[in-house]
Amino acid sequence: MRRQLIHMSGAVTPFYLYFFYQRFSSWLAPEALVAGMLATGYGIAHLYKRGIRLPVFAKLVDIAEREEVRQSSPGKGTFRFFLGVLVCMLIFGSLLGAPFFVVGSGILVLALGDSMSTLAGRKLGRRKLPYNSAKSVEGTLLGTCYAFLGIMAYLHFFHGLEIQQAAVFAFAAASAGMLAESLPLKVDDNFVIPIAGSAAVYALNCV
């Protein structure tokens, strides 16, 4: 549960990235920030594997990762999360020039929906999805609902979208992202979820 709660805390990511996006009026600023975080994290993980425990960071790795992961790839979950965020920004921000809320919505599906689907699936999951026995109906539905509520609030209160438009965009992002999460793909969820969620909002915003 601790791992999923830490993963869920990634919901703050769109807010501080937006600050850099606004401050420098460019996608390059938040992209550079995340790239720097990835490089720093890689360095910390390398030191951790060599037995060099940096204060605070080592404790976070101890809390966030399973023991077998700590031994082989410490910080792997966090690294992949932010790599997915960076890929999403590069595609929809730098390449397609989308509004920031398109990327923010995809990140929130990853942070909120993915975490809740795992937590709910473990506690409440009874029926397996017909196309993926590793996922439950209950987990996917609750993850979708949780992401929908979070994204709708984000779009309405933070970006000022009308509540009806915010609801439509949030439903599209949550549904697309969690559908991608539920599929038996060999691609890491940290990539497919934010891309699918952002792609749904991007498509609707272009209509």
Foldseek 3Di string as FASTA:
>chain_A
DLQLVVLLVLLCVLVVLVVQCVVVVALVRSLVVLVVVLVVVVVQLVCVLVVNHDPPVNVCQVRNDDPVCSNPPGPVVVNLLSVQLSVLCVVCPVPVNHPSLLLSLLSLLRNQLVSQLVVCCVVPFDAADPQANVGGPRSLVRSLVRSLVSQLCCCCVVVNDDSVLSNVLSNQLSVQLSVQVNHPDPDDSSNRRSNRSSVRNVVVVVD
